[in-house]
Amino acid sequence: MQALLDAIATMPLPQDAQRIFHGRGGLYPGCEQWTLDAYPPVWVLTSFQPVAEDVLSILGSALQQRWQQLTPEQAFNWVFQCRAEGHAHTRLMRGSVPEPHIVTENGSRFRVHVLRGQNHGLFLDMAEGRRWVRHHTACHPKLKVLNLFAYTCAFSVVALQAGASQVVNVDMARGALAIGQHNHQLNGLAGGASFLGHDIFSSWGKIGRNGPYGLVIVDPPSYQKGSFIATKDYARLMRRLPDLLAPGGHALLCLNAPELGLAFLQEQMQALAPTLALQEQVANPQVFADVSPDRALKVLVYKNNK
């Protein structure tokens, strides 16, 4: 775990929520089980294998020592989560977690929850995707956006901040949408967003009536039993895109499934939505670099040429 200790010893003081160390990318042999995230003012260390208490003690001491070097006047807070054998166990190791816990990213504010569940309310690997949406929306004033699998609506927040006229957020998890509504309030966004707590696949009529859209964002889970399985359900989304998009509109397709590479998206899009042309691949944050890029998060931009 020396690479993780080295990263801790040299990391800067984080202001925004961000990943600090990504052993999962396979670039640090012996550290594949580890990730370290900053959700200021809390550190979240995650292991994908069981960990002995003496190892946690070493890492906790290293984190505390670096924190005291960076900002000795602030309290030290850290959380450990073990994701092993299909279960996630989370422990507050030192200090406390604010309630509500609000973090920032490029000037936007988001509510997170690091003490429960595997998803903390803001996917850090999608930071460049959100940056792309902000830039694209700023370049296309009054854009109408459809945000599918909206989760806590971070894409919606940045789109509205950049000048979108309307964002329709759709997700069957009403609790996540409630946090999304709170995120809009945190950023002073009083209007422009709607929140549909529906199963997307049974709500095409309602979704379509609000269109067509200048931008459709598709960011589904790779596998969620009873909700979405990428290998069979992504095609159902692709077939709908030409009718949902305005002429010249764009689609942002996201896929975070290590077992499915770029070809999975590209070949199906060519077959199922041939009027949409690939424009670019949005790069992931550098800290998420992977020894095999096909395993990492895939974010592709398509344009509707019909």
Protein backbone atom coordinates (compact mmCIF):
# COMPACT_ATOMS: atom_id res chain seq x y z
CA MET A 1 0.00 0.00 0.00
CA GLN A 2 3.03 2.24 -0.37
CA ALA A 3 1.59 4.10 -3.37
CA LEU A 4 -1.44 5.03 -1.29
CA LEU A 5 0.76 6.26 1.55
CA ASP A 6 2.81 8.29 -0.94
CA ALA A 7 -0.36 9.86 -2.36
CA ILE A 8 -1.52 10.81 1.13
CA ALA A 9 1.86 12.31 2.02
CA THR A 10 1.91 14.59 -1.03
CA MET A 11 -1.75 15.45 -1.61
CA PRO A 12 -2.80 19.12 -1.66
CA LEU A 13 -5.56 20.59 0.47
CA PRO A 14 -8.79 19.77 -1.40
CA GLN A 15 -11.45 22.44 -1.76
CA ASP A 16 -13.86 20.56 -4.05
CA ALA A 17 -15.10 16.99 -3.77
CA GLN A 18 -12.64 14.81 -5.69
CA ARG A 19 -10.82 11.50 -5.83
CA ILE A 20 -7.29 11.58 -4.42
CA PHE A 21 -6.15 8.01 -5.08
CA HIS A 22 -7.57 5.44 -7.51
CA GLY A 23 -5.96 2.06 -6.99
CA ARG A 24 -8.84 0.42 -8.84
CA GLY A 25 -7.34 1.58 -12.12
CA GLY A 26 -4.56 -1.00 -11.79
CA LEU A 27 -1.73 1.50 -12.20
CA TYR A 28 -0.41 0.91 -8.67
CA PRO A 29 0.38 -2.81 -8.20
CA GLY A 30 -0.58 -3.98 -4.76
CA CYS A 31 -3.05 -1.13 -4.24
CA GLU A 32 -5.89 -2.32 -6.45
CA GLN A 33 -8.27 -2.57 -3.50
CA TRP A 34 -7.96 1.08 -2.42
CA THR A 35 -9.61 4.40 -3.23
CA LEU A 36 -9.38 7.66 -1.31
CA ASP A 37 -11.90 10.45 -1.80
CA ALA A 38 -12.21 13.94 -0.39
CA TYR A 39 -15.70 15.14 0.49
CA PRO A 40 -14.51 18.20 2.42
CA PRO A 41 -14.24 18.32 5.34
CA VAL A 42 -14.34 14.49 5.38
CA TRP A 43 -11.98 11.88 3.95
CA VAL A 44 -13.50 8.64 2.70
CA LEU A 45 -11.17 5.66 2.40
CA THR A 46 -12.62 2.61 0.65
CA SER A 47 -11.28 -0.93 0.40
CA PHE A 48 -12.69 -3.62 -1.87
CA GLN A 49 -11.11 -6.33 0.26
CA PRO A 50 -11.19 -7.02 4.03
CA VAL A 51 -8.63 -4.98 5.96
CA ALA A 52 -6.83 -5.67 9.23
CA GLU A 53 -7.16 -3.09 12.00
CA ASP A 54 -3.41 -2.44 12.13
CA VAL A 55 -3.47 -1.47 8.43
CA LEU A 56 -6.33 0.96 9.07
CA SER A 57 -4.37 2.43 11.95
CA ILE A 58 -1.36 3.08 9.71
CA LEU A 59 -3.49 4.73 7.02
CA GLY A 60 -5.47 6.76 9.54
CA SER A 61 -2.27 8.06 11.11
CA ALA A 62 -0.91 9.01 7.69
CA LEU A 63 -4.10 10.89 6.85
CA GLN A 64 -4.10 12.71 10.17
CA GLN A 65 -0.45 13.68 9.85
CA ARG A 66 -0.97 15.14 6.37
CA TRP A 67 -4.14 16.93 7.48
CA GLN A 68 -2.26 18.58 10.34
CA GLN A 69 0.38 19.76 7.86
CA LEU A 70 -2.24 21.18 5.49
CA THR A 71 -4.68 22.81 7.90
CA PRO A 72 -3.84 22.28 11.59
CA GLU A 73 -6.63 24.58 12.75
CA GLN A 74 -9.39 22.34 11.32
CA ALA A 75 -10.75 19.12 12.81
CA PHE A 76 -9.73 15.84 11.20
CA ASN A 77 -12.62 13.68 9.99
CA TRP A 78 -12.42 10.36 8.20
CA VAL A 79 -14.68 7.51 7.23
CA PHE A 80 -13.78 3.97 6.19
CA GLN A 81 -15.95 1.80 3.97
CA CYS A 82 -15.25 -1.86 3.21
CA ARG A 83 -16.91 -3.28 0.11
CA ALA A 84 -16.17 -6.96 0.22
CA GLU A 85 -18.17 -10.09 -0.53
CA GLY A 86 -21.08 -8.08 -1.90
CA HIS A 87 -21.64 -5.98 1.21
CA ALA A 88 -20.66 -2.44 2.23
CA HIS A 89 -19.80 -1.65 5.84
CA THR A 90 -19.15 1.98 6.76
CA ARG A 91 -17.48 3.31 9.92
CA LEU A 92 -16.78 6.79 11.19
CA MET A 93 -13.16 6.44 12.26
CA ARG A 94 -12.41 9.92 13.62
CA GLY A 95 -14.17 13.25 14.03
CA SER A 96 -17.64 13.83 12.66
CA VAL A 97 -19.59 14.28 9.44
CA PRO A 98 -21.58 17.51 8.93
CA GLU A 99 -25.36 17.23 8.68
CA PRO A 100 -26.30 18.33 6.16
CA HIS A 101 -23.02 17.56 4.39
CA ILE A 102 -22.58 20.00 1.49
CA VAL A 103 -19.65 19.81 -0.93
CA THR A 104 -18.68 21.90 -3.94
CA GLU A 105 -17.52 21.22 -7.49
CA ASN A 106 -16.61 24.05 -9.87
CA GLY A 107 -18.80 26.46 -7.96
CA SER A 108 -21.84 24.17 -7.69
CA ARG A 109 -23.05 22.84 -4.34
CA PHE A 110 -24.27 19.30 -3.70
CA ARG A 111 -25.56 17.38 -0.71
CA VAL A 112 -23.76 14.10 -0.03
CA HIS A 113 -24.15 11.26 2.49
CA VAL A 114 -20.92 9.36 3.11
CA LEU A 115 -22.08 7.27 6.07
CA ARG A 116 -24.72 5.23 4.25
CA GLY A 117 -24.74 3.20 1.07
CA GLN A 118 -22.15 2.78 -1.64
CA ASN A 119 -23.26 5.83 -3.64
CA HIS A 120 -22.56 9.05 -1.78
CA GLY A 121 -24.76 11.43 -3.78
CA LEU A 122 -22.18 12.71 -6.28
CA PHE A 123 -20.26 10.47 -8.68
CA LEU A 124 -16.73 11.88 -8.69
CA ASP A 125 -15.69 10.10 -11.89
CA MET A 126 -18.35 12.07 -13.81
CA ALA A 127 -16.76 15.45 -13.07
CA GLU A 128 -15.63 15.93 -16.69
CA GLY A 129 -19.06 14.88 -17.96
CA ARG A 130 -20.61 17.63 -15.84
CA ARG A 131 -17.98 20.07 -17.12
CA TRP A 132 -18.88 19.11 -20.70
CA VAL A 133 -22.60 19.67 -20.03
CA ARG A 134 -21.88 23.08 -18.50
CA HIS A 135 -19.76 24.16 -21.47
CA HIS A 136 -22.14 22.73 -24.10
CA THR A 137 -25.17 24.37 -22.51
CA ALA A 138 -23.41 27.73 -22.26
CA CYS A 139 -22.70 27.51 -26.00
CA HIS A 140 -26.36 26.70 -26.81
CA PRO A 141 -28.53 29.25 -24.97
CA LYS A 142 -32.00 28.22 -23.79
CA LEU A 143 -31.28 24.53 -24.32
CA LYS A 144 -33.99 22.04 -23.35
CA VAL A 145 -32.43 19.04 -21.58
CA LEU A 146 -33.66 15.55 -20.74
CA ASN A 147 -31.75 13.95 -17.87
CA LEU A 148 -32.45 10.20 -17.74
CA PHE A 149 -31.45 8.20 -14.64
CA ALA A 150 -31.03 11.60 -13.02
CA TYR A 151 -30.10 10.28 -9.54
CA THR A 152 -29.47 13.46 -7.47
CA CYS A 153 -29.66 15.70 -10.55
CA ALA A 154 -26.10 17.06 -10.67
CA PHE A 155 -26.29 17.31 -14.47
CA SER A 156 -29.48 19.35 -14.11
CA VAL A 157 -27.85 21.78 -11.69
CA VAL A 158 -24.91 22.55 -13.97
CA ALA A 159 -27.11 22.78 -17.08
CA LEU A 160 -29.42 25.32 -15.48
CA GLN A 161 -26.49 27.30 -14.11
CA ALA A 162 -25.11 27.46 -17.65
CA GLY A 163 -28.35 28.79 -19.11
CA ALA A 164 -30.61 25.84 -19.98
CA SER A 165 -34.25 26.86 -20.27
CA GLN A 166 -35.64 23.57 -18.99
CA VAL A 167 -34.38 20.27 -17.59
CA VAL A 168 -36.62 17.23 -17.22
CA ASN A 169 -35.13 14.87 -14.61
CA VAL A 170 -36.38 11.27 -14.64
CA ASP A 171 -35.49 8.58 -12.08
CA MET A 172 -37.55 5.90 -10.37
CA ALA A 173 -35.70 6.52 -7.07
CA ARG A 174 -37.83 9.24 -5.51
CA GLY A 175 -35.44 9.62 -2.57
CA ALA A 176 -32.60 10.50 -4.93
CA LEU A 177 -34.83 12.97 -6.78
CA ALA A 178 -35.72 14.61 -3.46
CA ILE A 179 -32.01 15.20 -2.86
CA GLY A 180 -31.84 16.50 -6.44
CA GLN A 181 -34.53 19.05 -5.67
CA HIS A 182 -32.56 20.10 -2.59
CA ASN A 183 -29.44 20.47 -4.76
CA HIS A 184 -31.32 22.92 -6.97
CA GLN A 185 -32.35 24.92 -3.91
CA LEU A 186 -28.75 24.91 -2.63
CA ASN A 187 -27.70 26.59 -5.87
CA GLY A 188 -30.50 29.14 -5.92
CA LEU A 189 -32.25 27.52 -8.89
CA ALA A 190 -35.88 28.30 -8.27
CA GLY A 191 -37.32 27.18 -11.62
CA GLY A 192 -36.64 25.44 -14.89
CA ALA A 193 -36.41 21.89 -13.56
CA SER A 194 -39.06 19.18 -13.32
CA PHE A 195 -38.67 15.89 -11.46
CA LEU A 196 -40.43 12.74 -12.64
CA GLY A 197 -40.24 9.79 -10.25
CA HIS A 198 -41.08 7.18 -12.86
CA ASP A 199 -39.74 4.04 -14.46
CA ILE A 200 -38.32 5.41 -17.69
CA PHE A 201 -39.34 2.41 -19.76
CA SER A 202 -43.01 2.81 -18.85
CA SER A 203 -43.05 6.61 -19.17
CA TRP A 204 -42.03 7.31 -22.75
CA GLY A 205 -45.31 9.04 -23.51
CA LYS A 206 -44.88 11.62 -20.75
CA ILE A 207 -41.18 12.03 -21.49
CA GLY A 208 -41.81 12.52 -25.21
CA ARG A 209 -44.55 15.12 -24.68
CA ASN A 210 -41.99 17.46 -23.12
CA GLY A 211 -39.66 17.14 -26.14
CA PRO A 212 -37.99 17.34 -28.46
CA TYR A 213 -34.78 18.05 -26.55
CA GLY A 214 -31.57 19.74 -27.56
CA LEU A 215 -29.61 17.49 -25.19
CA VAL A 216 -30.45 14.04 -23.83
CA ILE A 217 -28.25 12.70 -21.02
CA VAL A 218 -28.28 8.92 -20.51
CA ASP A 219 -26.39 7.85 -17.38
CA PRO A 220 -27.85 4.51 -16.27
CA PRO A 221 -26.50 2.03 -13.74
CA SER A 222 -24.63 -0.78 -15.43
CA TYR A 223 -26.61 -3.39 -13.51
CA GLN A 224 -29.53 -2.83 -11.18
CA LYS A 225 -31.81 -5.82 -10.75
CA GLY A 226 -35.39 -4.98 -11.57
CA SER A 227 -34.43 -1.63 -13.06
CA PHE A 228 -31.67 -1.69 -15.67
CA ILE A 229 -29.29 -4.26 -17.13
CA ALA A 230 -26.98 -2.62 -19.65
CA THR A 231 -26.51 -5.63 -21.90
CA LYS A 232 -30.23 -5.78 -22.74
CA ASP A 233 -31.72 -2.42 -21.75
CA TYR A 234 -29.29 0.10 -23.24
CA ALA A 235 -30.55 -0.82 -26.73
CA ARG A 236 -34.07 0.16 -25.70
CA LEU A 237 -32.80 3.65 -24.89
CA MET A 238 -30.84 4.00 -28.10
CA ARG A 239 -33.87 3.28 -30.25
CA ARG A 240 -35.71 6.20 -28.64
CA LEU A 241 -33.02 8.81 -29.12
CA PRO A 242 -33.84 9.92 -32.71
CA ASP A 243 -37.42 10.74 -31.69
CA LEU A 244 -36.44 12.44 -28.44
CA LEU A 245 -33.79 14.71 -29.99
CA ALA A 246 -34.39 17.86 -31.95
CA PRO A 247 -32.59 18.08 -35.32
CA GLY A 248 -28.97 18.89 -34.54
CA GLY A 249 -29.47 17.91 -30.90
CA HIS A 250 -26.90 15.97 -28.89
CA ALA A 251 -26.94 12.87 -26.72
CA LEU A 252 -24.46 12.22 -23.90
CA LEU A 253 -24.21 8.46 -23.40
CA CYS A 254 -22.54 7.18 -20.24
CA LEU A 255 -21.58 3.63 -19.29
CA ASN A 256 -19.71 2.52 -16.18
CA ALA A 257 -19.39 -1.22 -16.70
CA PRO A 258 -15.84 -2.63 -16.67
CA GLU A 259 -16.92 -5.68 -18.64
CA LEU A 260 -18.36 -3.60 -21.51
CA GLY A 261 -16.02 -1.58 -23.71
CA LEU A 262 -16.51 1.33 -26.10
CA ALA A 263 -17.48 -1.04 -28.90
CA PHE A 264 -20.60 -2.02 -26.97
CA LEU A 265 -21.95 1.51 -27.27
CA GLN A 266 -20.58 2.36 -30.71
CA GLU A 267 -21.75 -0.77 -32.53
CA GLN A 268 -25.25 -0.65 -31.06
CA MET A 269 -25.63 3.05 -31.80
CA GLN A 270 -24.64 2.51 -35.39
CA ALA A 271 -27.22 -0.24 -35.75
CA LEU A 272 -30.09 1.21 -33.71
CA ALA A 273 -29.75 5.00 -34.13
CA PRO A 274 -27.90 5.51 -37.45
CA THR A 275 -28.95 9.17 -37.74
CA LEU A 276 -26.79 9.96 -34.70
CA ALA A 277 -23.09 10.46 -35.40
CA LEU A 278 -20.31 10.12 -32.85
CA GLN A 279 -18.77 13.52 -32.09
CA GLU A 280 -16.30 12.90 -29.28
CA GLN A 281 -15.39 10.91 -26.21
CA VAL A 282 -15.28 12.92 -23.00
CA ALA A 283 -12.09 12.15 -21.09
CA ASN A 284 -12.33 11.03 -17.47
CA PRO A 285 -10.58 12.99 -14.71
CA GLN A 286 -6.89 12.12 -14.84
CA VAL A 287 -6.93 10.61 -11.37
CA PHE A 288 -9.29 7.90 -12.70
CA ALA A 289 -6.74 6.67 -15.26
CA ASP A 290 -6.98 2.93 -15.88
CA VAL A 291 -4.45 0.41 -17.15
CA SER A 292 -7.24 -0.71 -19.50
CA PRO A 293 -9.27 2.32 -20.67
CA ASP A 294 -12.12 0.07 -21.82
CA ARG A 295 -12.75 -0.86 -18.18
CA ALA A 296 -13.16 2.74 -17.09
CA LEU A 297 -16.18 5.02 -17.34
CA LYS A 298 -17.20 5.63 -20.95
CA VAL A 299 -18.80 8.98 -21.92
CA LEU A 300 -19.64 9.53 -25.60
CA VAL A 301 -21.25 12.49 -27.38
CA TYR A 302 -23.51 11.89 -30.37
CA LYS A 303 -25.20 14.44 -32.66
CA ASN A 304 -28.55 13.94 -34.35
CA ASN A 305 -28.02 14.61 -38.05
CA LYS A 306 -31.59 14.10 -39.19
